Amino acid sequence: MNARRLIPTATIAGAVTLGLVALSACSSSDAATKKSGDKLAVTASFYPMQFLAERIGGDHVSVTTLTKPGVEPHDLELNPRQVAQLGEADVILYLKGIQPAVDEAITQSGVKNTVDATSLTTLEKHGTEVGHSHEDGHADGHTAEESHPAGEEGSLDGKDPHIWLDPVKYAEVAKGVGASLEKADPDNSATYQKNTDALVKQLGGLDTAFKQGLADTTTKTFITTHAAFGYLAERYGLTQEAIAGLDPESEPSPARVKELETIAEHDKVGTVFFETLASDKTAKTIAADSGLKTDVLDPLEGITDKSKGDDYIEVMNSNLAALQKALGAK
């Protein structure tokens, strides 16, 4: 595992055809001597990391993701082949704390070029604190901090890992990923820099679209399945009210359901949002009991046939349109 090298494109193609994962890793000195046509083997933990690798790496990288389309990333368990694949990567892109199985496997992989997205921006606490009253401080448009059991995000000390749903923070992560690819493959650093700049500019345009599109709305409050949109809410002056906490599979208490019904009436909320990779049962039940509509607000943890767009940018634009409709944008 320590003697790592780059594999030519043709070799990778042949390995994939045989159903094998044969990506190998290199040091920066290996990268400096790699032959024309070789690709940097990048393993991404789940879709937000995969998107960055593909957009920034372009033709110079071969990207593999550990979380297949349609799989809820928080619940991912790695099979032996995936663990072996991790150890043979040139660069690993992941987000610490959101997938415990991945974090453990990366620690044991021995790969030097590991990039943790949480180290590239500042994490904050968001969510819905169980039992708070609605008057306890939502006037500023920010969500309350959440009290939740250790588990899926326990290693982050309760901090919200969903940084990719804020285009500004995602751009910060993109810059860090670009720098890491440049370091791992200096021969193609100019391309990585160019692609990073283009993506950061596109994310800046997305940020502007959200700012302008949500500047004047009838209400600033939205209800969603789980507390994935804290950064987005804070960035654009909205209040996220989550049915569950940061864990998409957790169930709300009867008191929380009653509280959401009160909030919906008080804040003129007309829509309850659910997502594509988790159950929509609770969201639809609450909506039906309160006479509210339902719609999709996608946390972009994976792209599937049900996604309203083919990539991060398209789905985020769909999210913006859904928020504008639900919040009564003028």
C-alpha atoms as a PDB file:
ATOM      1  CA  MET A   1       0.000   0.000   0.000  1.00  0.00           C
ATOM      2  CA  ASN A   2       2.938   2.322   0.610  1.00  0.00           C
ATOM      3  CA  ALA A   3       4.446   1.780  -2.854  1.00  0.00           C
ATOM      4  CA  ARG A   4       1.808   3.687  -4.766  1.00  0.00           C
ATOM      5  CA  ARG A   5       1.685   4.669  -8.420  1.00  0.00           C
ATOM      6  CA  LEU A   6      -0.712   6.093 -10.982  1.00  0.00           C
ATOM      7  CA  ILE A   7      -2.491   3.702 -13.344  1.00  0.00           C
ATOM      8  CA  PRO A   8      -2.932   4.551 -17.032  1.00  0.00           C
ATOM      9  CA  THR A   9      -6.467   5.332 -18.247  1.00  0.00           C
ATOM     10  CA  ALA A  10      -6.658   2.166 -20.345  1.00  0.00           C
ATOM     11  CA  THR A  11      -5.824   0.052 -17.318  1.00  0.00           C
ATOM     12  CA  ILE A  12      -8.562   1.668 -15.256  1.00  0.00           C
ATOM     13  CA  ALA A  13     -11.075   1.141 -18.049  1.00  0.00           C
ATOM     14  CA  GLY A  14     -10.130  -2.514 -18.234  1.00  0.00           C
ATOM     15  CA  ALA A  15     -10.449  -2.959 -14.488  1.00  0.00           C
ATOM     16  CA  VAL A  16     -13.908  -1.405 -14.452  1.00  0.00           C
ATOM     17  CA  THR A  17     -14.964  -3.704 -17.299  1.00  0.00           C
ATOM     18  CA  LEU A  18     -13.953  -6.682 -15.204  1.00  0.00           C
ATOM     19  CA  GLY A  19     -15.902  -5.323 -12.261  1.00  0.00           C
ATOM     20  CA  LEU A  20     -12.743  -4.597 -10.290  1.00  0.00           C
ATOM     21  CA  VAL A  21     -11.625  -1.479  -8.514  1.00  0.00           C
ATOM     22  CA  ALA A  22      -7.983  -0.947  -9.361  1.00  0.00           C
ATOM     23  CA  LEU A  23      -7.187   2.621  -8.478  1.00  0.00           C
ATOM     24  CA  SER A  24      -3.780   3.289  -6.970  1.00  0.00           C
ATOM     25  CA  ALA A  25      -2.229   6.190  -5.142  1.00  0.00           C
ATOM     26  CA  CYS A  26       0.873   8.276  -5.502  1.00  0.00           C
ATOM     27  CA  SER A  27       3.068  10.748  -3.744  1.00  0.00           C
ATOM     28  CA  SER A  28       3.707  14.204  -5.216  1.00  0.00           C
ATOM     29  CA  SER A  29       7.011  12.915  -6.588  1.00  0.00           C
ATOM     30  CA  ASP A  30       5.158  10.113  -8.391  1.00  0.00           C
ATOM     31  CA  ALA A  31       2.788  12.690  -9.843  1.00  0.00           C
ATOM     32  CA  ALA A  32       5.683  14.690 -11.241  1.00  0.00           C
ATOM     33  CA  THR A  33       6.868  11.723 -13.308  1.00  0.00           C
ATOM     34  CA  LYS A  34       3.557  10.261 -14.421  1.00  0.00           C
ATOM     35  CA  LYS A  35       3.120   9.554 -18.105  1.00  0.00           C
ATOM     36  CA  SER A  36       0.798  11.453 -20.423  1.00  0.00           C
ATOM     37  CA  GLY A  37      -2.694   9.978 -20.221  1.00  0.00           C
ATOM     38  CA  ASP A  38      -2.428   8.871 -16.600  1.00  0.00           C
ATOM     39  CA  LYS A  39      -5.220   9.984 -14.298  1.00  0.00           C
ATOM     40  CA  LEU A  40      -5.259  10.881 -10.611  1.00  0.00           C
ATOM     41  CA  ALA A  41      -7.391   8.346  -8.732  1.00  0.00           C
ATOM     42  CA  VAL A  42      -9.795  10.240  -6.478  1.00  0.00           C
ATOM     43  CA  THR A  43     -12.216   8.569  -4.074  1.00  0.00           C
ATOM     44  CA  ALA A  44     -15.120  10.717  -2.868  1.00  0.00           C
ATOM     45  CA  SER A  45     -17.166   9.754   0.172  1.00  0.00           C
ATOM     46  CA  PHE A  46     -20.520  10.947  -1.206  1.00  0.00           C
ATOM     47  CA  TYR A  47     -22.054  13.168  -3.882  1.00  0.00           C
ATOM     48  CA  PRO A  48     -21.074  16.698  -2.699  1.00  0.00           C
ATOM     49  CA  MET A  49     -17.428  15.593  -2.654  1.00  0.00           C
ATOM     50  CA  GLN A  50     -17.804  13.716  -5.949  1.00  0.00           C
ATOM     51  CA  PHE A  51     -19.182  16.825  -7.669  1.00  0.00           C
ATOM     52  CA  LEU A  52     -16.197  18.918  -6.586  1.00  0.00           C
ATOM     53  CA  ALA A  53     -13.713  16.264  -7.685  1.00  0.00           C
ATOM     54  CA  GLU A  54     -15.306  15.905 -11.101  1.00  0.00           C
ATOM     55  CA  ARG A  55     -15.736  19.609 -11.775  1.00  0.00           C
ATOM     56  CA  ILE A  56     -12.290  20.630 -10.550  1.00  0.00           C
ATOM     57  CA  GLY A  57     -10.371  17.552 -11.698  1.00  0.00           C
ATOM     58  CA  GLY A  58     -11.936  17.369 -15.149  1.00  0.00           C
ATOM     59  CA  ASP A  59     -10.182  15.022 -17.562  1.00  0.00           C
ATOM     60  CA  HIS A  60      -7.162  14.605 -15.290  1.00  0.00           C
ATOM     61  CA  VAL A  61      -8.944  12.584 -12.591  1.00  0.00           C
ATOM     62  CA  SER A  62     -10.771   9.295 -12.306  1.00  0.00           C
ATOM     63  CA  VAL A  63     -13.430   9.736  -9.613  1.00  0.00           C
ATOM     64  CA  THR A  64     -15.040   6.922  -7.654  1.00  0.00           C
ATOM     65  CA  THR A  65     -17.710   7.495  -5.012  1.00  0.00           C
ATOM     66  CA  LEU A  66     -18.275   5.277  -1.983  1.00  0.00           C
ATOM     67  CA  THR A  67     -21.977   6.194  -1.756  1.00  0.00           C
ATOM     68  CA  LYS A  68     -23.932   4.954  -4.749  1.00  0.00           C
ATOM     69  CA  PRO A  69     -26.965   6.883  -6.096  1.00  0.00           C
ATOM     70  CA  GLY A  70     -30.061   6.325  -3.970  1.00  0.00           C
ATOM     71  CA  VAL A  71     -28.155   5.297  -0.823  1.00  0.00           C
ATOM     72  CA  GLU A  72     -28.680   7.456   2.261  1.00  0.00           C
ATOM     73  CA  PRO A  73     -25.073   8.503   3.004  1.00  0.00           C
ATOM     74  CA  HIS A  74     -25.513   8.676   6.796  1.00  0.00           C
ATOM     75  CA  ASP A  75     -26.291   4.944   6.835  1.00  0.00           C
ATOM     76  CA  LEU A  76     -23.452   3.815   4.572  1.00  0.00           C
ATOM     77  CA  GLU A  77     -21.615   0.639   5.517  1.00  0.00           C
ATOM     78  CA  LEU A  78     -18.487  -0.247   3.540  1.00  0.00           C
ATOM     79  CA  ASN A  79     -17.862  -3.672   2.047  1.00  0.00           C
ATOM     80  CA  PRO A  80     -14.337  -5.161   1.897  1.00  0.00           C
ATOM     81  CA  ARG A  81     -13.851  -4.076  -1.715  1.00  0.00           C
ATOM     82  CA  GLN A  82     -14.641  -0.454  -0.855  1.00  0.00           C
ATOM     83  CA  VAL A  83     -12.261  -0.516   2.110  1.00  0.00           C
ATOM     84  CA  ALA A  84      -9.506  -1.854  -0.166  1.00  0.00           C
ATOM     85  CA  GLN A  85     -10.367   0.791  -2.760  1.00  0.00           C
ATOM     86  CA  LEU A  86      -9.894   3.523  -0.160  1.00  0.00           C
ATOM     87  CA  GLY A  87      -6.384   2.321   0.593  1.00  0.00           C
ATOM     88  CA  GLU A  88      -5.416   2.498  -3.073  1.00  0.00           C
ATOM     89  CA  ALA A  89      -6.619   6.044  -3.784  1.00  0.00           C
ATOM     90  CA  ASP A  90      -4.343   8.937  -4.688  1.00  0.00           C
ATOM     91  CA  VAL A  91      -6.650  11.441  -3.006  1.00  0.00           C
ATOM     92  CA  ILE A  92      -9.622  10.899  -0.705  1.00  0.00           C
ATOM     93  CA  LEU A  93     -12.257  13.632  -0.379  1.00  0.00           C
ATOM     94  CA  TYR A  94     -14.667  13.257   2.538  1.00  0.00           C
ATOM     95  CA  LEU A  95     -16.632  15.159   5.142  1.00  0.00           C
ATOM     96  CA  LYS A  96     -15.724  14.031   8.641  1.00  0.00           C
ATOM     97  CA  GLY A  97     -18.570  13.216  10.996  1.00  0.00           C
ATOM     98  CA  ILE A  98     -21.329  12.511   8.515  1.00  0.00           C
ATOM     99  CA  GLN A  99     -20.351   8.901   7.701  1.00  0.00           C
ATOM    100  CA  PRO A 100     -18.714   7.159  10.685  1.00  0.00           C
ATOM    101  CA  ALA A 101     -17.877   4.022   8.687  1.00  0.00           C
ATOM    102  CA  VAL A 102     -15.982   6.105   6.137  1.00  0.00           C
ATOM    103  CA  ASP A 103     -14.117   8.060   8.809  1.00  0.00           C
ATOM    104  CA  GLU A 104     -12.900   4.843  10.430  1.00  0.00           C
ATOM    105  CA  ALA A 105     -11.838   3.283   7.128  1.00  0.00           C
ATOM    106  CA  ILE A 106      -9.921   6.416   6.086  1.00  0.00           C
ATOM    107  CA  THR A 107      -8.041   6.440   9.380  1.00  0.00           C
ATOM    108  CA  GLN A 108      -6.924   2.867   8.711  1.00  0.00           C
ATOM    109  CA  SER A 109      -6.226   3.334   4.981  1.00  0.00           C
ATOM    110  CA  GLY A 110      -2.765   4.859   5.274  1.00  0.00           C
ATOM    111  CA  VAL A 111      -3.447   7.286   2.422  1.00  0.00           C
ATOM    112  CA  LYS A 112      -1.567  10.563   2.928  1.00  0.00           C
ATOM    113  CA  ASN A 113      -3.637  12.779   0.637  1.00  0.00           C
ATOM    114  CA  THR A 114      -6.913  12.861   2.544  1.00  0.00           C
ATOM    115  CA  VAL A 115      -9.005  16.011   2.381  1.00  0.00           C
ATOM    116  CA  ASP A 116     -11.619  16.612   5.096  1.00  0.00           C
ATOM    117  CA  ALA A 117     -14.119  19.232   3.913  1.00  0.00           C
ATOM    118  CA  THR A 118     -14.861  20.300   7.493  1.00  0.00           C
ATOM    119  CA  SER A 119     -11.289  21.604   7.756  1.00  0.00           C
ATOM    120  CA  LEU A 120     -11.790  23.913   4.766  1.00  0.00           C
ATOM    121  CA  THR A 121     -14.538  26.102   6.258  1.00  0.00           C
ATOM    122  CA  THR A 122     -16.069  26.945   9.641  1.00  0.00           C
ATOM    123  CA  LEU A 123     -18.749  24.675  11.086  1.00  0.00           C
ATOM    124  CA  GLU A 124     -21.638  25.999  13.167  1.00  0.00           C
ATOM    125  CA  LYS A 125     -24.502  24.615  15.219  1.00  0.00           C
ATOM    126  CA  HIS A 126     -27.965  24.618  13.683  1.00  0.00           C
ATOM    127  CA  GLY A 127     -31.185  22.713  14.071  1.00  0.00           C
ATOM    128  CA  THR A 128     -34.264  22.637  16.208  1.00  0.00           C
ATOM    129  CA  GLU A 129     -33.824  22.414  19.938  1.00  0.00           C
ATOM    130  CA  VAL A 130     -36.349  20.016  21.364  1.00  0.00           C
ATOM    131  CA  GLY A 131     -38.890  21.735  23.539  1.00  0.00           C
ATOM    132  CA  HIS A 132     -38.086  25.362  22.732  1.00  0.00           C
ATOM    133  CA  SER A 133     -40.945  27.766  22.352  1.00  0.00           C
ATOM    134  CA  HIS A 134     -41.294  29.533  19.025  1.00  0.00           C
ATOM    135  CA  GLU A 135     -40.812  32.892  20.713  1.00  0.00           C
ATOM    136  CA  ASP A 136     -37.388  31.880  22.022  1.00  0.00           C
ATOM    137  CA  GLY A 137     -35.395  33.737  19.440  1.00  0.00           C
ATOM    138  CA  HIS A 138     -36.268  33.247  15.811  1.00  0.00           C
ATOM    139  CA  ALA A 139     -36.867  36.904  15.133  1.00  0.00           C
ATOM    140  CA  ASP A 140     -33.384  37.317  13.708  1.00  0.00           C
ATOM    141  CA  GLY A 141     -34.040  34.662  11.096  1.00  0.00           C
ATOM    142  CA  HIS A 142     -31.493  32.233  12.549  1.00  0.00           C
ATOM    143  CA  THR A 143     -32.225  28.749  13.723  1.00  0.00           C
ATOM    144  CA  ALA A 144     -31.772  27.602  17.300  1.00  0.00           C
ATOM    145  CA  GLU A 145     -28.973  25.272  18.266  1.00  0.00           C
ATOM    146  CA  GLU A 146     -29.921  21.665  18.544  1.00  0.00           C
ATOM    147  CA  SER A 147     -29.680  19.255  21.436  1.00  0.00           C
ATOM    148  CA  HIS A 148     -29.434  15.726  20.063  1.00  0.00           C
ATOM    149  CA  PRO A 149     -27.973  12.368  21.032  1.00  0.00           C
ATOM    150  CA  ALA A 150     -24.496  11.323  19.996  1.00  0.00           C
ATOM    151  CA  GLY A 151     -24.397   9.281  16.850  1.00  0.00           C
ATOM    152  CA  GLU A 152     -24.229  10.206  13.214  1.00  0.00           C
ATOM    153  CA  GLU A 153     -22.815  13.688  13.813  1.00  0.00           C
ATOM    154  CA  GLY A 154     -21.541  13.034  17.319  1.00  0.00           C
ATOM    155  CA  SER A 155     -17.891  13.475  16.403  1.00  0.00           C
ATOM    156  CA  LEU A 156     -18.651  17.043  15.324  1.00  0.00           C
ATOM    157  CA  ASP A 157     -19.811  17.987  18.844  1.00  0.00           C
ATOM    158  CA  GLY A 158     -23.289  18.775  17.593  1.00  0.00           C
ATOM    159  CA  LYS A 159     -22.084  21.002  14.764  1.00  0.00           C
ATOM    160  CA  ASP A 160     -23.968  20.893  11.491  1.00  0.00           C
ATOM    161  CA  PRO A 161     -22.037  19.092   8.707  1.00  0.00           C
ATOM    162  CA  HIS A 162     -24.312  20.196   5.822  1.00  0.00           C
ATOM    163  CA  ILE A 163     -21.924  22.903   4.622  1.00  0.00           C
ATOM    164  CA  TRP A 164     -22.456  22.152   0.918  1.00  0.00           C
ATOM    165  CA  LEU A 165     -25.999  23.582   1.019  1.00  0.00           C
ATOM    166  CA  ASP A 166     -24.547  27.072   1.488  1.00  0.00           C
ATOM    167  CA  PRO A 167     -22.996  28.103  -1.864  1.00  0.00           C
ATOM    168  CA  VAL A 168     -20.559  30.436  -0.079  1.00  0.00           C
ATOM    169  CA  LYS A 169     -19.210  27.733   2.237  1.00  0.00           C
ATOM    170  CA  TYR A 170     -19.213  25.217  -0.602  1.00  0.00           C
ATOM    171  CA  ALA A 171     -17.039  27.621  -2.603  1.00  0.00           C
ATOM    172  CA  GLU A 172     -14.586  27.730   0.310  1.00  0.00           C
ATOM    173  CA  VAL A 173     -14.449  23.933   0.271  1.00  0.00           C
ATOM    174  CA  ALA A 174     -13.992  23.966  -3.513  1.00  0.00           C
ATOM    175  CA  LYS A 175     -10.918  26.181  -3.182  1.00  0.00           C
ATOM    176  CA  GLY A 176      -9.415  23.781  -0.651  1.00  0.00           C
ATOM    177  CA  VAL A 177     -10.146  20.761  -2.847  1.00  0.00           C
ATOM    178  CA  GLY A 178      -8.561  22.522  -5.814  1.00  0.00           C
ATOM    179  CA  ALA A 179      -5.422  23.259  -3.820  1.00  0.00           C
ATOM    180  CA  SER A 180      -5.232  19.625  -2.708  1.00  0.00           C
ATOM    181  CA  LEU A 181      -5.481  18.328  -6.280  1.00  0.00           C
ATOM    182  CA  GLU A 182      -2.761  20.779  -7.341  1.00  0.00           C
ATOM    183  CA  LYS A 183      -0.499  19.459  -4.602  1.00  0.00           C
ATOM    184  CA  ALA A 184      -1.182  15.817  -5.494  1.00  0.00           C
ATOM    185  CA  ASP A 185      -0.742  16.386  -9.226  1.00  0.00           C
ATOM    186  CA  PRO A 186       1.405  19.497  -9.816  1.00  0.00           C
ATOM    187  CA  ASP A 187       1.818  18.776 -13.546  1.00  0.00           C
ATOM    188  CA  ASN A 188      -1.835  19.729 -14.043  1.00  0.00           C
ATOM    189  CA  SER A 189      -2.068  22.470 -11.427  1.00  0.00           C
ATOM    190  CA  ALA A 190      -2.960  25.134 -14.001  1.00  0.00           C
ATOM    191  CA  THR A 191      -6.019  23.172 -15.096  1.00  0.00           C
ATOM    192  CA  TYR A 192      -7.128  22.544 -11.522  1.00  0.00           C
ATOM    193  CA  GLN A 193      -6.769  26.249 -10.737  1.00  0.00           C
ATOM    194  CA  LYS A 194      -8.731  27.248 -13.838  1.00  0.00           C
ATOM    195  CA  ASN A 195     -11.524  24.773 -13.071  1.00  0.00           C
ATOM    196  CA  THR A 196     -11.638  25.846  -9.420  1.00  0.00           C
ATOM    197  CA  ASP A 197     -11.954  29.511 -10.384  1.00  0.00           C
ATOM    198  CA  ALA A 198     -14.763  28.687 -12.841  1.00  0.00           C
ATOM    199  CA  LEU A 199     -16.679  26.679 -10.234  1.00  0.00           C
ATOM    200  CA  VAL A 200     -16.224  29.315  -7.516  1.00  0.00           C
ATOM    201  CA  LYS A 201     -17.584  31.916  -9.947  1.00  0.00           C
ATOM    202  CA  GLN A 202     -20.586  29.713 -10.708  1.00  0.00           C
ATOM    203  CA  LEU A 203     -21.237  29.203  -6.986  1.00  0.00           C
ATOM    204  CA  GLY A 204     -21.020  32.974  -6.555  1.00  0.00           C
ATOM    205  CA  GLY A 205     -23.751  33.327  -9.170  1.00  0.00           C
ATOM    206  CA  LEU A 206     -25.860  30.785  -7.291  1.00  0.00           C
ATOM    207  CA  ASP A 207     -25.379  32.768  -4.073  1.00  0.00           C
ATOM    208  CA  THR A 208     -26.538  35.938  -5.830  1.00  0.00           C
ATOM    209  CA  ALA A 209     -29.601  34.143  -7.209  1.00  0.00           C
ATOM    210  CA  PHE A 210     -30.588  32.976  -3.706  1.00  0.00           C
ATOM    211  CA  LYS A 211     -30.024  36.424  -2.187  1.00  0.00           C
ATOM    212  CA  GLN A 212     -32.135  38.160  -4.795  1.00  0.00           C
ATOM    213  CA  GLY A 213     -34.739  35.423  -5.080  1.00  0.00           C
ATOM    214  CA  LEU A 214     -35.426  35.225  -1.338  1.00  0.00           C
ATOM    215  CA  ALA A 215     -35.011  38.897  -0.433  1.00  0.00           C
ATOM    216  CA  ASP A 216     -38.740  39.693  -0.387  1.00  0.00           C
ATOM    217  CA  THR A 217     -41.041  36.888   0.737  1.00  0.00           C
ATOM    218  CA  THR A 218     -44.345  36.624   2.578  1.00  0.00           C
ATOM    219  CA  THR A 219     -42.815  34.408   5.260  1.00  0.00           C
ATOM    220  CA  LYS A 220     -39.252  33.559   6.231  1.00  0.00           C
ATOM    221  CA  THR A 221     -40.052  30.218   7.875  1.00  0.00           C
ATOM    222  CA  PHE A 222     -39.948  26.817   6.211  1.00  0.00           C
ATOM    223  CA  ILE A 223     -40.604  23.344   7.608  1.00  0.00           C
ATOM    224  CA  THR A 224     -38.494  20.440   6.365  1.00  0.00           C
ATOM    225  CA  THR A 225     -37.893  16.774   7.141  1.00  0.00           C
ATOM    226  CA  HIS A 226     -34.538  17.082   8.901  1.00  0.00           C
ATOM    227  CA  ALA A 227     -32.247  19.927   9.849  1.00  0.00           C
ATOM    228  CA  ALA A 228     -30.055  19.926   6.750  1.00  0.00           C
ATOM    229  CA  PHE A 229     -30.632  23.534   5.702  1.00  0.00           C
ATOM    230  CA  GLY A 230     -29.280  25.476   8.664  1.00  0.00           C
ATOM    231  CA  TYR A 231     -26.433  27.103   6.741  1.00  0.00           C
ATOM    232  CA  LEU A 232     -28.706  27.999   3.842  1.00  0.00           C
ATOM    233  CA  ALA A 233     -31.298  29.457   6.220  1.00  0.00           C
ATOM    234  CA  GLU A 234     -28.741  31.546   8.059  1.00  0.00           C
ATOM    235  CA  ARG A 235     -27.118  32.763   4.842  1.00  0.00           C
ATOM    236  CA  TYR A 236     -30.395  34.048   3.384  1.00  0.00           C
ATOM    237  CA  GLY A 237     -32.216  35.232   6.498  1.00  0.00           C
ATOM    238  CA  LEU A 238     -34.640  32.332   6.773  1.00  0.00           C
ATOM    239  CA  THR A 239     -35.797  30.189   9.690  1.00  0.00           C
ATOM    240  CA  GLN A 240     -35.543  26.426   9.337  1.00  0.00           C
ATOM    241  CA  GLU A 241     -38.014  24.402  11.384  1.00  0.00           C
ATOM    242  CA  ALA A 242     -37.099  20.728  11.151  1.00  0.00           C
ATOM    243  CA  ILE A 243     -39.484  17.869  11.858  1.00  0.00           C
ATOM    244  CA  ALA A 244     -36.516  15.795  13.062  1.00  0.00           C
ATOM    245  CA  GLY A 245     -32.984  16.801  13.978  1.00  0.00           C
ATOM    246  CA  LEU A 246     -29.752  16.466  12.016  1.00  0.00           C
ATOM    247  CA  ASP A 247     -30.427  12.736  11.671  1.00  0.00           C
ATOM    248  CA  PRO A 248     -32.894  12.225   8.792  1.00  0.00           C
ATOM    249  CA  GLU A 249     -34.176   8.955  10.260  1.00  0.00           C
ATOM    250  CA  SER A 250     -35.103  10.268  13.722  1.00  0.00           C
ATOM    251  CA  GLU A 251     -38.770  10.586  14.645  1.00  0.00           C
ATOM    252  CA  PRO A 252     -40.271  13.770  16.131  1.00  0.00           C
ATOM    253  CA  SER A 253     -41.981  13.740  19.503  1.00  0.00           C
ATOM    254  CA  PRO A 254     -45.743  14.435  19.721  1.00  0.00           C
ATOM    255  CA  ALA A 255     -44.860  17.747  21.379  1.00  0.00           C
ATOM    256  CA  ARG A 256     -42.657  18.690  18.428  1.00  0.00           C
ATOM    257  CA  VAL A 257     -45.421  17.842  15.941  1.00  0.00           C
ATOM    258  CA  LYS A 258     -47.876  20.008  17.868  1.00  0.00           C
ATOM    259  CA  GLU A 259     -45.310  22.806  18.022  1.00  0.00           C
ATOM    260  CA  LEU A 260     -44.797  22.670  14.252  1.00  0.00           C
ATOM    261  CA  GLU A 261     -48.536  22.995  13.693  1.00  0.00           C
ATOM    262  CA  THR A 262     -48.536  26.125  15.861  1.00  0.00           C
ATOM    263  CA  ILE A 263     -45.511  27.543  14.035  1.00  0.00           C
ATOM    264  CA  ALA A 264     -47.096  26.868  10.658  1.00  0.00           C
ATOM    265  CA  GLU A 265     -50.190  28.838  11.626  1.00  0.00           C
ATOM    266  CA  HIS A 266     -48.264  31.652  13.319  1.00  0.00           C
ATOM    267  CA  ASP A 267     -45.733  32.147  10.502  1.00  0.00           C
ATOM    268  CA  LYS A 268     -48.126  31.533   7.617  1.00  0.00           C
ATOM    269  CA  VAL A 269     -46.240  28.440   6.464  1.00  0.00           C
ATOM    270  CA  GLY A 270     -47.995  26.828   3.508  1.00  0.00           C
ATOM    271  CA  THR A 271     -45.618  23.974   2.597  1.00  0.00           C
ATOM    272  CA  VAL A 272     -43.905  21.099   4.372  1.00  0.00           C
ATOM    273  CA  PHE A 273     -40.767  19.946   2.578  1.00  0.00           C
ATOM    274  CA  PHE A 274     -39.515  16.387   2.344  1.00  0.00           C
ATOM    275  CA  GLU A 275     -36.501  14.862   0.584  1.00  0.00           C
ATOM    276  CA  THR A 276     -35.892  12.094  -1.916  1.00  0.00           C
ATOM    277  CA  LEU A 277     -33.563   9.767   0.033  1.00  0.00           C
ATOM    278  CA  ALA A 278     -35.514   9.587   3.323  1.00  0.00           C
ATOM    279  CA  SER A 279     -39.080   8.639   4.187  1.00  0.00           C
ATOM    280  CA  ASP A 280     -41.703  11.316   3.457  1.00  0.00           C
ATOM    281  CA  LYS A 281     -44.350   9.713   5.695  1.00  0.00           C
ATOM    282  CA  THR A 282     -44.046  12.084   8.676  1.00  0.00           C
ATOM    283  CA  ALA A 283     -43.862  15.191   6.499  1.00  0.00           C
ATOM    284  CA  LYS A 284     -46.994  14.203   4.598  1.00  0.00           C
ATOM    285  CA  THR A 285     -48.836  13.338   7.805  1.00  0.00           C
ATOM    286  CA  ILE A 286     -48.057  16.721   9.369  1.00  0.00           C
ATOM    287  CA  ALA A 287     -49.016  18.500   6.159  1.00  0.00           C
ATOM    288  CA  ALA A 288     -52.306  16.654   5.916  1.00  0.00           C
ATOM    289  CA  ASP A 289     -53.197  17.330   9.561  1.00  0.00           C
ATOM    290  CA  SER A 290     -52.451  21.043   9.121  1.00  0.00           C
ATOM    291  CA  GLY A 291     -53.943  21.468   5.659  1.00  0.00           C
ATOM    292  CA  LEU A 292     -50.537  22.255   4.126  1.00  0.00           C
ATOM    293  CA  LYS A 293     -48.978  21.378   0.788  1.00  0.00           C
ATOM    294  CA  THR A 294     -45.856  19.253   0.374  1.00  0.00           C
ATOM    295  CA  ASP A 295     -42.874  19.710  -1.920  1.00  0.00           C
ATOM    296  CA  VAL A 296     -39.272  18.520  -2.289  1.00  0.00           C
ATOM    297  CA  LEU A 297     -36.326  20.411  -0.803  1.00  0.00           C
ATOM    298  CA  ASP A 298     -33.332  18.316  -1.744  1.00  0.00           C
ATOM    299  CA  PRO A 299     -30.374  18.130   0.689  1.00  0.00           C
ATOM    300  CA  LEU A 300     -28.247  16.977  -2.254  1.00  0.00           C
ATOM    301  CA  GLU A 301     -26.713  14.003  -0.526  1.00  0.00           C
ATOM    302  CA  GLY A 302     -27.058  12.053  -3.773  1.00  0.00           C
ATOM    303  CA  ILE A 303     -28.385  12.414  -7.314  1.00  0.00           C
ATOM    304  CA  THR A 304     -31.020   9.921  -8.491  1.00  0.00           C
ATOM    305  CA  ASP A 305     -33.645   9.701 -11.226  1.00  0.00           C
ATOM    306  CA  LYS A 306     -36.004  11.472  -8.811  1.00  0.00           C
ATOM    307  CA  SER A 307     -33.693  14.468  -8.394  1.00  0.00           C
ATOM    308  CA  LYS A 308     -34.918  17.728  -9.907  1.00  0.00           C
ATOM    309  CA  GLY A 309     -31.721  18.256 -11.859  1.00  0.00           C
ATOM    310  CA  ASP A 310     -28.689  16.364 -13.095  1.00  0.00           C
ATOM    311  CA  ASP A 311     -26.061  17.966 -10.854  1.00  0.00           C
ATOM    312  CA  TYR A 312     -25.498  20.183  -7.816  1.00  0.00           C
ATOM    313  CA  ILE A 313     -26.126  23.483  -9.624  1.00  0.00           C
ATOM    314  CA  GLU A 314     -29.365  22.335 -11.267  1.00  0.00           C
ATOM    315  CA  VAL A 315     -30.790  20.846  -8.061  1.00  0.00           C
ATOM    316  CA  MET A 316     -29.875  23.938  -6.043  1.00  0.00           C
ATOM    317  CA  ASN A 317     -31.725  26.077  -8.588  1.00  0.00           C
ATOM    318  CA  SER A 318     -34.715  23.741  -8.168  1.00  0.00           C
ATOM    319  CA  ASN A 319     -34.438  24.199  -4.401  1.00  0.00           C
ATOM    320  CA  LEU A 320     -34.464  27.964  -4.874  1.00  0.00           C
ATOM    321  CA  ALA A 321     -37.604  27.776  -7.029  1.00  0.00           C
ATOM    322  CA  ALA A 322     -39.297  25.556  -4.417  1.00  0.00           C
ATOM    323  CA  LEU A 323     -38.416  27.962  -1.608  1.00  0.00           C
ATOM    324  CA  GLN A 324     -39.603  30.958  -3.596  1.00  0.00           C
ATOM    325  CA  LYS A 325     -42.949  29.278  -4.209  1.00  0.00           C
ATOM    326  CA  ALA A 326     -43.366  28.081  -0.630  1.00  0.00           C
ATOM    327  CA  LEU A 327     -42.303  31.346   1.004  1.00  0.00           C
ATOM    328  CA  GLY A 328     -44.317  33.565  -1.320  1.00  0.00           C
ATOM    329  CA  ALA A 329     -41.469  35.388  -3.063  1.00  0.00           C
ATOM    330  CA  LYS A 330     -42.557  38.705  -4.572  1.00  0.00           C
END
